[in-house]
Amino acid sequence: MERETHQTWLVWGDTEIEAFLDGYWLTPVGVDDPDLLSMIRDRDPEWEPPNDDVENLDDLNNSCALVVSTITEKEIVERTAEVRKSLRGYIRIK
């Protein structure tokens, strides 16, 4: 049996996914990460990226994008199973 190796993934959806990936190395992706956001938009053009550059915090949207390190694809699927509608996609980046 081949063992899956831990890798780095770009994960996106809404803010609920972050809590289910707690315990892994998470790096938020925001407006200052145009290359990563472009990777997502190429695969999911309907997704609205996080608008973390707003002045009024009441104007923040519910979008979330994260770089998740030291996790397997199976762990992503298992950890986010309860919030499947919140997870829009993931891409292996390393």
PDB file of N, CA and C in Angstrom:
ATOM      1  N   MET A   1       0.844  -1.174   0.000  1.00  0.00           N
ATOM      2  CA  MET A   1       0.000   0.000   0.000  1.00  0.00           C
ATOM      3  C   MET A   1       0.896   1.246   0.000  1.00  0.00           C
ATOM      4  N   GLU A   2       0.612   2.157  -0.911  1.00  0.00           N
ATOM      5  CA  GLU A   2       1.399   3.379  -1.013  1.00  0.00           C
ATOM      6  C   GLU A   2       0.841   4.434  -0.059  1.00  0.00           C
ATOM      7  N   ARG A   3       1.726   5.039   0.676  1.00  0.00           N
ATOM      8  CA  ARG A   3       1.319   6.053   1.649  1.00  0.00           C
ATOM      9  C   ARG A   3       1.340   7.436   0.995  1.00  0.00           C
ATOM     10  N   GLU A   4       0.278   8.192   1.208  1.00  0.00           N
ATOM     11  CA  GLU A   4       0.182   9.539   0.664  1.00  0.00           C
ATOM     12  C   GLU A   4       1.121  10.470   1.426  1.00  0.00           C
ATOM     13  N   THR A   5       1.828  11.321   0.718  1.00  0.00           N
ATOM     14  CA  THR A   5       2.751  12.239   1.377  1.00  0.00           C
ATOM     15  C   THR A   5       2.072  13.571   1.653  1.00  0.00           C
ATOM     16  N   HIS A   6       2.545  14.212   2.694  1.00  0.00           N
ATOM     17  CA  HIS A   6       2.036  15.536   3.037  1.00  0.00           C
ATOM     18  C   HIS A   6       2.570  16.540   2.032  1.00  0.00           C
ATOM     19  N   GLN A   7       1.687  17.403   1.580  1.00  0.00           N
ATOM     20  CA  GLN A   7       2.064  18.398   0.589  1.00  0.00           C
ATOM     21  C   GLN A   7       1.431  19.731   0.952  1.00  0.00           C
ATOM     22  N   THR A   8       1.605  20.710   0.073  1.00  0.00           N
ATOM     23  CA  THR A   8       1.036  22.037   0.289  1.00  0.00           C
ATOM     24  C   THR A   8      -0.060  22.262  -0.742  1.00  0.00           C
ATOM     25  N   TRP A   9      -1.196  22.769  -0.260  1.00  0.00           N
ATOM     26  CA  TRP A   9      -2.387  22.925  -1.090  1.00  0.00           C
ATOM     27  C   TRP A   9      -2.929  24.342  -0.992  1.00  0.00           C
ATOM     28  N   LEU A  10      -3.560  24.777  -2.060  1.00  0.00           N
ATOM     29  CA  LEU A  10      -4.319  26.015  -2.089  1.00  0.00           C
ATOM     30  C   LEU A  10      -5.781  25.604  -2.004  1.00  0.00           C
ATOM     31  N   VAL A  11      -6.462  26.040  -0.947  1.00  0.00           N
ATOM     32  CA  VAL A  11      -7.831  25.635  -0.651  1.00  0.00           C
ATOM     33  C   VAL A  11      -8.697  26.885  -0.625  1.00  0.00           C
ATOM     34  N   TRP A  12      -9.911  26.817  -1.194  1.00  0.00           N
ATOM     35  CA  TRP A  12     -10.780  27.995  -1.170  1.00  0.00           C
ATOM     36  C   TRP A  12     -12.241  27.613  -1.002  1.00  0.00           C
ATOM     37  N   GLY A  13     -12.998  28.578  -0.521  1.00  0.00           N
ATOM     38  CA  GLY A  13     -14.420  28.408  -0.272  1.00  0.00           C
ATOM     39  C   GLY A  13     -14.901  29.573   0.554  1.00  0.00           C
ATOM     40  N   ASP A  14     -15.667  29.259   1.617  1.00  0.00           N
ATOM     41  CA  ASP A  14     -16.046  30.336   2.524  1.00  0.00           C
ATOM     42  C   ASP A  14     -15.356  30.141   3.871  1.00  0.00           C
ATOM     43  N   THR A  15     -15.562  31.068   4.761  1.00  0.00           N
ATOM     44  CA  THR A  15     -14.778  31.116   5.998  1.00  0.00           C
ATOM     45  C   THR A  15     -14.960  29.909   6.911  1.00  0.00           C
ATOM     46  N   GLU A  16     -15.988  29.095   6.710  1.00  0.00           N
ATOM     47  CA  GLU A  16     -16.182  27.915   7.558  1.00  0.00           C
ATOM     48  C   GLU A  16     -15.052  26.896   7.414  1.00  0.00           C
ATOM     49  N   ILE A  17     -14.403  26.850   6.262  1.00  0.00           N
ATOM     50  CA  ILE A  17     -13.385  25.808   6.045  1.00  0.00           C
ATOM     51  C   ILE A  17     -12.178  25.970   6.956  1.00  0.00           C
ATOM     52  N   GLU A  18     -11.888  27.185   7.358  1.00  0.00           N
ATOM     53  CA  GLU A  18     -10.698  27.425   8.181  1.00  0.00           C
ATOM     54  C   GLU A  18     -10.755  26.658   9.498  1.00  0.00           C
ATOM     55  N   ALA A  19     -11.899  26.649  10.149  1.00  0.00           N
ATOM     56  CA  ALA A  19     -12.030  25.960  11.436  1.00  0.00           C
ATOM     57  C   ALA A  19     -11.816  24.450  11.297  1.00  0.00           C
ATOM     58  N   PHE A  20     -12.207  23.881  10.172  1.00  0.00           N
ATOM     59  CA  PHE A  20     -12.080  22.442   9.986  1.00  0.00           C
ATOM     60  C   PHE A  20     -10.666  22.021   9.591  1.00  0.00           C
ATOM     61  N   LEU A  21      -9.828  22.994   9.265  1.00  0.00           N
ATOM     62  CA  LEU A  21      -8.430  22.703   8.950  1.00  0.00           C
ATOM     63  C   LEU A  21      -7.505  23.126  10.088  1.00  0.00           C
ATOM     64  N   ASP A  22      -8.087  23.411  11.235  1.00  0.00           N
ATOM     65  CA  ASP A  22      -7.309  23.807  12.404  1.00  0.00           C
ATOM     66  C   ASP A  22      -6.315  22.696  12.749  1.00  0.00           C
ATOM     67  N   GLY A  23      -5.130  23.092  13.122  1.00  0.00           N
ATOM     68  CA  GLY A  23      -4.093  22.122  13.464  1.00  0.00           C
ATOM     69  C   GLY A  23      -3.067  21.944  12.357  1.00  0.00           C
ATOM     70  N   TYR A  24      -3.369  22.479  11.192  1.00  0.00           N
ATOM     71  CA  TYR A  24      -2.424  22.455  10.074  1.00  0.00           C
ATOM     72  C   TYR A  24      -1.828  23.845   9.916  1.00  0.00           C
ATOM     73  N   TRP A  25      -0.731  23.937   9.208  1.00  0.00           N
ATOM     74  CA  TRP A  25      -0.082  25.222   8.963  1.00  0.00           C
ATOM     75  C   TRP A  25      -0.916  25.953   7.922  1.00  0.00           C
ATOM     76  N   LEU A  26      -1.623  27.030   8.323  1.00  0.00           N
ATOM     77  CA  LEU A  26      -2.509  27.781   7.434  1.00  0.00           C
ATOM     78  C   LEU A  26      -1.948  29.171   7.173  1.00  0.00           C
ATOM     79  N   THR A  27      -1.954  29.578   5.923  1.00  0.00           N
ATOM     80  CA  THR A  27      -1.562  30.927   5.543  1.00  0.00           C
ATOM     81  C   THR A  27      -2.702  31.527   4.738  1.00  0.00           C
ATOM     82  N   PRO A  28      -3.344  32.582   5.254  1.00  0.00           N
ATOM     83  CA  PRO A  28      -4.440  33.205   4.503  1.00  0.00           C
ATOM     84  C   PRO A  28      -3.945  33.802   3.186  1.00  0.00           C
ATOM     85  N   VAL A  29      -4.775  33.716   2.165  1.00  0.00           N
ATOM     86  CA  VAL A  29      -4.496  34.304   0.859  1.00  0.00           C
ATOM     87  C   VAL A  29      -5.455  35.477   0.694  1.00  0.00           C
ATOM     88  N   GLY A  30      -4.913  36.629   0.339  1.00  0.00           N
ATOM     89  CA  GLY A  30      -5.758  37.809   0.181  1.00  0.00           C
ATOM     90  C   GLY A  30      -5.396  38.597  -1.056  1.00  0.00           C
ATOM     91  N   VAL A  31      -5.842  39.838  -1.088  1.00  0.00           N
ATOM     92  CA  VAL A  31      -5.649  40.683  -2.269  1.00  0.00           C
ATOM     93  C   VAL A  31      -4.177  40.897  -2.606  1.00  0.00           C
ATOM     94  N   ASP A  32      -3.288  40.691  -1.666  1.00  0.00           N
ATOM     95  CA  ASP A  32      -1.852  40.861  -1.914  1.00  0.00           C
ATOM     96  C   ASP A  32      -1.207  39.625  -2.551  1.00  0.00           C
ATOM     97  N   ASP A  33      -2.025  38.624  -2.880  1.00  0.00           N
ATOM     98  CA  ASP A  33      -1.529  37.380  -3.472  1.00  0.00           C
ATOM     99  C   ASP A  33      -2.162  37.146  -4.848  1.00  0.00           C
ATOM    100  N   PRO A  34      -1.940  38.047  -5.810  1.00  0.00           N
ATOM    101  CA  PRO A  34      -2.640  37.946  -7.101  1.00  0.00           C
ATOM    102  C   PRO A  34      -2.347  36.658  -7.871  1.00  0.00           C
ATOM    103  N   ASP A  35      -1.151  36.101  -7.741  1.00  0.00           N
ATOM    104  CA  ASP A  35      -0.832  34.872  -8.477  1.00  0.00           C
ATOM    105  C   ASP A  35      -1.658  33.691  -7.971  1.00  0.00           C
ATOM    106  N   LEU A  36      -1.776  33.578  -6.649  1.00  0.00           N
ATOM    107  CA  LEU A  36      -2.572  32.489  -6.080  1.00  0.00           C
ATOM    108  C   LEU A  36      -4.052  32.688  -6.384  1.00  0.00           C
ATOM    109  N   LEU A  37      -4.537  33.920  -6.271  1.00  0.00           N
ATOM    110  CA  LEU A  37      -5.941  34.189  -6.583  1.00  0.00           C
ATOM    111  C   LEU A  37      -6.230  33.900  -8.053  1.00  0.00           C
ATOM    112  N   SER A  38      -5.287  34.178  -8.914  1.00  0.00           N
ATOM    113  CA  SER A  38      -5.456  33.902 -10.340  1.00  0.00           C
ATOM    114  C   SER A  38      -5.574  32.399 -10.599  1.00  0.00           C
ATOM    115  N   MET A  39      -4.803  31.600  -9.870  1.00  0.00           N
ATOM    116  CA  MET A  39      -4.899  30.142 -10.003  1.00  0.00           C
ATOM    117  C   MET A  39      -6.307  29.669  -9.667  1.00  0.00           C
ATOM    118  N   ILE A  40      -6.885  30.253  -8.624  1.00  0.00           N
ATOM    119  CA  ILE A  40      -8.241  29.880  -8.219  1.00  0.00           C
ATOM    120  C   ILE A  40      -9.240  30.332  -9.278  1.00  0.00           C
ATOM    121  N   ARG A  41      -9.154  31.591  -9.691  1.00  0.00           N
ATOM    122  CA  ARG A  41     -10.117  32.143 -10.654  1.00  0.00           C
ATOM    123  C   ARG A  41     -10.069  31.407 -11.991  1.00  0.00           C
ATOM    124  N   ASP A  42      -8.911  30.870 -12.372  1.00  0.00           N
ATOM    125  CA  ASP A  42      -8.821  30.076 -13.600  1.00  0.00           C
ATOM    126  C   ASP A  42      -9.682  28.825 -13.507  1.00  0.00           C
ATOM    127  N   ARG A  43      -9.794  28.253 -12.316  1.00  0.00           N
ATOM    128  CA  ARG A  43     -10.562  27.023 -12.112  1.00  0.00           C
ATOM    129  C   ARG A  43     -11.989  27.280 -11.653  1.00  0.00           C
ATOM    130  N   ASP A  44     -12.219  28.434 -11.036  1.00  0.00           N
ATOM    131  CA  ASP A  44     -13.525  28.739 -10.436  1.00  0.00           C
ATOM    132  C   ASP A  44     -13.849  30.219 -10.660  1.00  0.00           C
ATOM    133  N   PRO A  45     -14.199  30.598 -11.901  1.00  0.00           N
ATOM    134  CA  PRO A  45     -14.404  32.015 -12.217  1.00  0.00           C
ATOM    135  C   PRO A  45     -15.565  32.665 -11.466  1.00  0.00           C
ATOM    136  N   GLU A  46     -16.480  31.871 -10.946  1.00  0.00           N
ATOM    137  CA  GLU A  46     -17.633  32.419 -10.221  1.00  0.00           C
ATOM    138  C   GLU A  46     -17.295  32.797  -8.776  1.00  0.00           C
ATOM    139  N   TRP A  47     -16.184  32.283  -8.269  1.00  0.00           N
ATOM    140  CA  TRP A  47     -15.803  32.522  -6.877  1.00  0.00           C
ATOM    141  C   TRP A  47     -15.355  33.963  -6.691  1.00  0.00           C
ATOM    142  N   GLU A  48     -15.844  34.583  -5.644  1.00  0.00           N
ATOM    143  CA  GLU A  48     -15.449  35.954  -5.309  1.00  0.00           C
ATOM    144  C   GLU A  48     -14.325  35.901  -4.280  1.00  0.00           C
ATOM    145  N   PRO A  49     -13.142  36.433  -4.600  1.00  0.00           N
ATOM    146  CA  PRO A  49     -12.015  36.367  -3.665  1.00  0.00           C
ATOM    147  C   PRO A  49     -12.260  37.175  -2.393  1.00  0.00           C
ATOM    148  N   PRO A  50     -11.522  36.869  -1.330  1.00  0.00           N
ATOM    149  CA  PRO A  50     -11.643  37.653  -0.101  1.00  0.00           C
ATOM    150  C   PRO A  50     -11.342  39.126  -0.384  1.00  0.00           C
ATOM    151  N   ASN A  51     -12.146  39.986   0.192  1.00  0.00           N
ATOM    152  CA  ASN A  51     -11.936  41.431   0.013  1.00  0.00           C
ATOM    153  C   ASN A  51     -11.355  42.019   1.293  1.00  0.00           C
ATOM    154  N   ASP A  52     -10.194  41.520   1.687  1.00  0.00           N
ATOM    155  CA  ASP A  52      -9.577  41.915   2.951  1.00  0.00           C
ATOM    156  C   ASP A  52      -8.946  43.299   2.922  1.00  0.00           C
ATOM    157  N   ASP A  53      -9.179  44.035   1.849  1.00  0.00           N
ATOM    158  CA  ASP A  53      -8.628  45.387   1.758  1.00  0.00           C
ATOM    159  C   ASP A  53      -9.670  46.477   2.011  1.00  0.00           C
ATOM    160  N   VAL A  54     -10.865  46.095   2.488  1.00  0.00           N
ATOM    161  CA  VAL A  54     -11.914  47.088   2.740  1.00  0.00           C
ATOM    162  C   VAL A  54     -11.594  47.902   3.992  1.00  0.00           C
ATOM    163  N   GLU A  55     -12.078  49.119   4.024  1.00  0.00           N
ATOM    164  CA  GLU A  55     -11.863  49.976   5.195  1.00  0.00           C
ATOM    165  C   GLU A  55     -12.847  49.651   6.311  1.00  0.00           C
ATOM    166  N   ASN A  56     -14.076  49.346   5.945  1.00  0.00           N
ATOM    167  CA  ASN A  56     -15.117  49.055   6.923  1.00  0.00           C
ATOM    168  C   ASN A  56     -15.240  47.534   7.058  1.00  0.00           C
ATOM    169  N   LEU A  57     -14.966  47.005   8.232  1.00  0.00           N
ATOM    170  CA  LEU A  57     -14.999  45.552   8.440  1.00  0.00           C
ATOM    171  C   LEU A  57     -16.374  44.952   8.197  1.00  0.00           C
ATOM    172  N   ASP A  58     -17.424  45.764   8.265  1.00  0.00           N
ATOM    173  CA  ASP A  58     -18.767  45.271   7.969  1.00  0.00           C
ATOM    174  C   ASP A  58     -18.917  44.907   6.491  1.00  0.00           C
ATOM    175  N   ASP A  59     -18.007  45.383   5.657  1.00  0.00           N
ATOM    176  CA  ASP A  59     -18.070  45.119   4.218  1.00  0.00           C
ATOM    177  C   ASP A  59     -17.300  43.869   3.795  1.00  0.00           C
ATOM    178  N   LEU A  60     -16.675  43.170   4.747  1.00  0.00           N
ATOM    179  CA  LEU A  60     -15.949  41.938   4.410  1.00  0.00           C
ATOM    180  C   LEU A  60     -16.910  40.885   3.866  1.00  0.00           C
ATOM    181  N   ASN A  61     -16.475  40.155   2.852  1.00  0.00           N
ATOM    182  CA  ASN A  61     -17.310  39.062   2.359  1.00  0.00           C
ATOM    183  C   ASN A  61     -16.965  37.773   3.117  1.00  0.00           C
ATOM    184  N   ASN A  62     -17.614  36.695   2.750  1.00  0.00           N
ATOM    185  CA  ASN A  62     -17.468  35.426   3.458  1.00  0.00           C
ATOM    186  C   ASN A  62     -16.474  34.488   2.764  1.00  0.00           C
ATOM    187  N   SER A  63     -15.724  35.001   1.803  1.00  0.00           N
ATOM    188  CA  SER A  63     -14.789  34.158   1.058  1.00  0.00           C
ATOM    189  C   SER A  63     -13.517  33.894   1.856  1.00  0.00           C
ATOM    190  N   CYS A  64     -12.925  32.739   1.578  1.00  0.00           N
ATOM    191  CA  CYS A  64     -11.702  32.351   2.270  1.00  0.00           C
ATOM    192  C   CYS A  64     -10.812  31.587   1.296  1.00  0.00           C
ATOM    193  N   ALA A  65      -9.541  31.911   1.314  1.00  0.00           N
ATOM    194  CA  ALA A  65      -8.544  31.150   0.557  1.00  0.00           C
ATOM    195  C   ALA A  65      -7.350  30.947   1.476  1.00  0.00           C
ATOM    196  N   LEU A  66      -6.826  29.737   1.478  1.00  0.00           N
ATOM    197  CA  LEU A  66      -5.740  29.388   2.389  1.00  0.00           C
ATOM    198  C   LEU A  66      -4.697  28.541   1.680  1.00  0.00           C
ATOM    199  N   VAL A  67      -3.451  28.739   2.050  1.00  0.00           N
ATOM    200  CA  VAL A  67      -2.401  27.786   1.708  1.00  0.00           C
ATOM    201  C   VAL A  67      -2.281  26.886   2.936  1.00  0.00           C
ATOM    202  N   VAL A  68      -2.469  25.587   2.728  1.00  0.00           N
ATOM    203  CA  VAL A  68      -2.449  24.620   3.825  1.00  0.00           C
ATOM    204  C   VAL A  68      -1.248  23.706   3.624  1.00  0.00           C
ATOM    205  N   SER A  69      -0.364  23.684   4.610  1.00  0.00           N
ATOM    206  CA  SER A  69       0.861  22.883   4.508  1.00  0.00           C
ATOM    207  C   SER A  69       0.769  21.633   5.361  1.00  0.00           C
ATOM    208  N   THR A  70       1.585  20.673   5.024  1.00  0.00           N
ATOM    209  CA  THR A  70       1.721  19.390   5.729  1.00  0.00           C
ATOM    210  C   THR A  70       0.382  18.669   5.877  1.00  0.00           C
ATOM    211  N   ILE A  71      -0.310  18.520   4.761  1.00  0.00           N
ATOM    212  CA  ILE A  71      -1.598  17.833   4.748  1.00  0.00           C
ATOM    213  C   ILE A  71      -1.685  17.004   3.467  1.00  0.00           C
ATOM    214  N   THR A  72      -2.442  15.922   3.523  1.00  0.00           N
ATOM    215  CA  THR A  72      -2.665  15.105   2.331  1.00  0.00           C
ATOM    216  C   THR A  72      -4.020  15.463   1.724  1.00  0.00           C
ATOM    217  N   GLU A  73      -4.219  15.065   0.482  1.00  0.00           N
ATOM    218  CA  GLU A  73      -5.513  15.302  -0.159  1.00  0.00           C
ATOM    219  C   GLU A  73      -6.622  14.586   0.609  1.00  0.00           C
ATOM    220  N   LYS A  74      -6.349  13.381   1.057  1.00  0.00           N
ATOM    221  CA  LYS A  74      -7.340  12.616   1.821  1.00  0.00           C
ATOM    222  C   LYS A  74      -7.735  13.367   3.093  1.00  0.00           C
ATOM    223  N   GLU A  75      -6.763  13.967   3.769  1.00  0.00           N
ATOM    224  CA  GLU A  75      -7.063  14.725   4.989  1.00  0.00           C
ATOM    225  C   GLU A  75      -7.916  15.955   4.684  1.00  0.00           C
ATOM    226  N   ILE A  76      -7.651  16.621   3.565  1.00  0.00           N
ATOM    227  CA  ILE A  76      -8.489  17.767   3.190  1.00  0.00           C
ATOM    228  C   ILE A  76      -9.933  17.321   3.026  1.00  0.00           C
ATOM    229  N   VAL A  77     -10.131  16.248   2.279  1.00  0.00           N
ATOM    230  CA  VAL A  77     -11.478  15.740   2.028  1.00  0.00           C
ATOM    231  C   VAL A  77     -12.153  15.319   3.332  1.00  0.00           C
ATOM    232  N   GLU A  78     -11.438  14.582   4.176  1.00  0.00           N
ATOM    233  CA  GLU A  78     -12.015  14.121   5.442  1.00  0.00           C
ATOM    234  C   GLU A  78     -12.326  15.276   6.389  1.00  0.00           C
ATOM    235  N   ARG A  79     -11.389  16.221   6.522  1.00  0.00           N
ATOM    236  CA  ARG A  79     -11.560  17.320   7.478  1.00  0.00           C
ATOM    237  C   ARG A  79     -12.673  18.275   7.077  1.00  0.00           C
ATOM    238  N   THR A  80     -12.923  18.419   5.782  1.00  0.00           N
ATOM    239  CA  THR A  80     -13.940  19.372   5.331  1.00  0.00           C
ATOM    240  C   THR A  80     -15.262  18.694   4.964  1.00  0.00           C
ATOM    241  N   ALA A  81     -15.388  17.404   5.235  1.00  0.00           N
ATOM    242  CA  ALA A  81     -16.600  16.668   4.860  1.00  0.00           C
ATOM    243  C   ALA A  81     -17.861  17.280   5.465  1.00  0.00           C
ATOM    244  N   GLU A  82     -17.772  17.758   6.684  1.00  0.00           N
ATOM    245  CA  GLU A  82     -18.941  18.341   7.349  1.00  0.00           C
ATOM    246  C   GLU A  82     -19.380  19.654   6.724  1.00  0.00           C
ATOM    247  N   VAL A  83     -18.470  20.312   6.048  1.00  0.00           N
ATOM    248  CA  VAL A  83     -18.789  21.607   5.428  1.00  0.00           C
ATOM    249  C   VAL A  83     -18.538  21.532   3.916  1.00  0.00           C
ATOM    250  N   ARG A  84     -18.928  20.419   3.319  1.00  0.00           N
ATOM    251  CA  ARG A  84     -18.662  20.180   1.897  1.00  0.00           C
ATOM    252  C   ARG A  84     -19.128  21.342   1.018  1.00  0.00           C
ATOM    253  N   LYS A  85     -20.267  21.948   1.333  1.00  0.00           N
ATOM    254  CA  LYS A  85     -20.763  23.070   0.532  1.00  0.00           C
ATOM    255  C   LYS A  85     -19.885  24.305   0.694  1.00  0.00           C
ATOM    256  N   SER A  86     -19.136  24.390   1.765  1.00  0.00           N
ATOM    257  CA  SER A  86     -18.266  25.543   2.012  1.00  0.00           C
ATOM    258  C   SER A  86     -16.948  25.442   1.254  1.00  0.00           C
ATOM    259  N   LEU A  87     -16.528  24.230   0.938  1.00  0.00           N
ATOM    260  CA  LEU A  87     -15.273  24.013   0.211  1.00  0.00           C
ATOM    261  C   LEU A  87     -15.572  24.038  -1.280  1.00  0.00           C
ATOM    262  N   ARG A  88     -15.000  25.003  -1.985  1.00  0.00           N
ATOM    263  CA  ARG A  88     -15.240  25.118  -3.433  1.00  0.00           C
ATOM    264  C   ARG A  88     -14.178  24.393  -4.240  1.00  0.00           C
ATOM    265  N   GLY A  89     -12.978  24.236  -3.674  1.00  0.00           N
ATOM    266  CA  GLY A  89     -11.950  23.524  -4.412  1.00  0.00           C
ATOM    267  C   GLY A  89     -10.600  23.566  -3.730  1.00  0.00           C
ATOM    268  N   TYR A  90      -9.668  22.795  -4.290  1.00  0.00           N
ATOM    269  CA  TYR A  90      -8.295  22.786  -3.785  1.00  0.00           C
ATOM    270  C   TYR A  90      -7.364  22.361  -4.909  1.00  0.00           C
ATOM    271  N   ILE A  91      -6.141  22.883  -4.841  1.00  0.00           N
ATOM    272  CA  ILE A  91      -5.119  22.631  -5.851  1.00  0.00           C
ATOM    273  C   ILE A  91      -3.811  22.346  -5.120  1.00  0.00           C
ATOM    274  N   ARG A  92      -3.110  21.296  -5.530  1.00  0.00           N
ATOM    275  CA  ARG A  92      -1.782  21.040  -4.959  1.00  0.00           C
ATOM    276  C   ARG A  92      -0.806  22.042  -5.562  1.00  0.00           C
ATOM    277  N   ILE A  93      -0.068  22.741  -4.709  1.00  0.00           N
ATOM    278  CA  ILE A  93       0.872  23.738  -5.221  1.00  0.00           C
ATOM    279  C   ILE A  93       2.326  23.387  -4.931  1.00  0.00           C
ATOM    280  N   LYS A  94       2.601  22.430  -4.044  1.00  0.00           N
ATOM    281  CA  LYS A  94       3.975  21.990  -3.770  1.00  0.00           C
ATOM    282  C   LYS A  94       3.964  20.523  -3.442  1.00  0.00           C
TER     283      LYS A  94
END
